[in-house]
C-alpha atoms as a PDB file:
ATOM      1  CA  MET A   1       0.000   0.000   0.000  1.00  0.00           C
ATOM      2  CA  LYS A   2       1.349   3.409  -0.965  1.00  0.00           C
ATOM      3  CA  ASN A   3       0.650   6.483   1.104  1.00  0.00           C
ATOM      4  CA  LYS A   4       1.174  10.230   1.100  1.00  0.00           C
ATOM      5  CA  VAL A   5       1.465  10.709   4.865  1.00  0.00           C
ATOM      6  CA  LYS A   6       4.953  12.228   4.720  1.00  0.00           C
ATOM      7  CA  GLY A   7       3.941  14.636   1.956  1.00  0.00           C
ATOM      8  CA  PHE A   8       0.875  15.890   3.803  1.00  0.00           C
ATOM      9  CA  ARG A   9       2.800  16.023   7.077  1.00  0.00           C
ATOM     10  CA  THR A  10       5.618  18.147   5.656  1.00  0.00           C
ATOM     11  CA  GLU A  11       3.145  20.278   3.690  1.00  0.00           C
ATOM     12  CA  ASN A  12       1.492  21.120   7.018  1.00  0.00           C
ATOM     13  CA  ASN A  13       4.815  21.659   8.844  1.00  0.00           C
ATOM     14  CA  ILE A  14       4.094  18.862  11.321  1.00  0.00           C
ATOM     15  CA  THR A  15       6.930  16.751  12.716  1.00  0.00           C
ATOM     16  CA  GLN A  16       6.682  12.996  13.079  1.00  0.00           C
ATOM     17  CA  THR A  17       6.663  13.483  16.837  1.00  0.00           C
ATOM     18  CA  GLU A  18       3.815  16.007  16.719  1.00  0.00           C
ATOM     19  CA  LEU A  19       1.718  13.772  14.473  1.00  0.00           C
ATOM     20  CA  ALA A  20       2.439  10.771  16.676  1.00  0.00           C
ATOM     21  CA  GLU A  21       1.362  12.640  19.810  1.00  0.00           C
ATOM     22  CA  GLU A  22      -1.861  13.805  18.171  1.00  0.00           C
ATOM     23  CA  LEU A  23      -2.653  10.242  17.086  1.00  0.00           C
ATOM     24  CA  GLY A  24      -1.572   8.596  20.341  1.00  0.00           C
ATOM     25  CA  VAL A  25       1.112   6.445  18.687  1.00  0.00           C
ATOM     26  CA  SER A  26       4.907   6.430  18.724  1.00  0.00           C
ATOM     27  CA  ARG A  27       7.117   8.418  16.370  1.00  0.00           C
ATOM     28  CA  GLN A  28       8.447   5.067  15.167  1.00  0.00           C
ATOM     29  CA  THR A  29       4.910   4.134  14.072  1.00  0.00           C
ATOM     30  CA  ILE A  30       4.711   7.279  11.937  1.00  0.00           C
ATOM     31  CA  PHE A  31       8.110   6.485  10.426  1.00  0.00           C
ATOM     32  CA  ALA A  32       6.978   2.921   9.676  1.00  0.00           C
ATOM     33  CA  ILE A  33       3.776   4.147   8.015  1.00  0.00           C
ATOM     34  CA  GLU A  34       5.643   6.720   5.924  1.00  0.00           C
ATOM     35  CA  THR A  35       8.141   4.139   4.706  1.00  0.00           C
ATOM     36  CA  SER A  36       5.378   1.581   3.989  1.00  0.00           C
ATOM     37  CA  MET A  37       6.771  -0.855   6.546  1.00  0.00           C
ATOM     38  CA  TYR A  38       3.477  -0.746   8.471  1.00  0.00           C
ATOM     39  CA  VAL A  39      -0.115  -0.563   7.263  1.00  0.00           C
ATOM     40  CA  PRO A  40      -2.234   1.340   9.789  1.00  0.00           C
ATOM     41  CA  SER A  41      -5.522   0.069  11.126  1.00  0.00           C
ATOM     42  CA  THR A  42      -8.724   1.489   9.706  1.00  0.00           C
ATOM     43  CA  VAL A  43      -9.201   3.625  12.806  1.00  0.00           C
ATOM     44  CA  LEU A  44      -5.667   5.037  12.590  1.00  0.00           C
ATOM     45  CA  ALA A  45      -6.035   5.713   8.857  1.00  0.00           C
ATOM     46  CA  LEU A  46      -9.291   7.585   9.523  1.00  0.00           C
ATOM     47  CA  LYS A  47      -7.636   9.647  12.276  1.00  0.00           C
ATOM     48  CA  ILE A  48      -4.755  10.547   9.927  1.00  0.00           C
ATOM     49  CA  ALA A  49      -7.231  11.601   7.231  1.00  0.00           C
ATOM     50  CA  LYS A  50      -9.153  13.729   9.734  1.00  0.00           C
ATOM     51  CA  ILE A  51      -5.988  15.543  10.843  1.00  0.00           C
ATOM     52  CA  PHE A  52      -5.110  16.421   7.249  1.00  0.00           C
ATOM     53  CA  LYS A  53      -8.771  17.120   6.336  1.00  0.00           C
ATOM     54  CA  LYS A  54      -8.574  14.613   3.493  1.00  0.00           C
ATOM     55  CA  LYS A  55     -10.371  11.439   2.464  1.00  0.00           C
ATOM     56  CA  VAL A  56      -8.605   8.202   3.385  1.00  0.00           C
ATOM     57  CA  GLU A  57      -8.273   7.373  -0.315  1.00  0.00           C
ATOM     58  CA  ASP A  58      -6.467  10.698  -0.880  1.00  0.00           C
ATOM     59  CA  ILE A  59      -3.749   9.512   1.515  1.00  0.00           C
ATOM     60  CA  PHE A  60      -3.649   5.721   1.108  1.00  0.00           C
ATOM     61  CA  GLU A  61      -3.649   3.833  -2.191  1.00  0.00           C
ATOM     62  CA  LEU A  62      -3.667   0.119  -2.897  1.00  0.00           C
ATOM     63  CA  GLU A  63      -0.954  -1.200  -5.171  1.00  0.00           C
ATOM     64  CA  LYS A  64      -1.512  -3.954  -7.744  1.00  0.00           C
ATOM     65  CA  ASN A  65      -0.031  -6.628  -5.468  1.00  0.00           C
ATOM     66  CA  ASP A  66      -2.181  -5.684  -2.436  1.00  0.00           C
END
């Protein structure tokens, strides 16, 4: 699964730590999501979308092999 979390985060001048605190997860979780090493739960994906005021599908995209 591809995602645009890092792009939206940097666009909004939010650090990984700040985003992590707002979501109630670790900074390492944000890093793992941004580098596609971790696929967030539906709830976490919805929270991320809400923070950036975007639809989930604007941030997360399935790849052909998903």
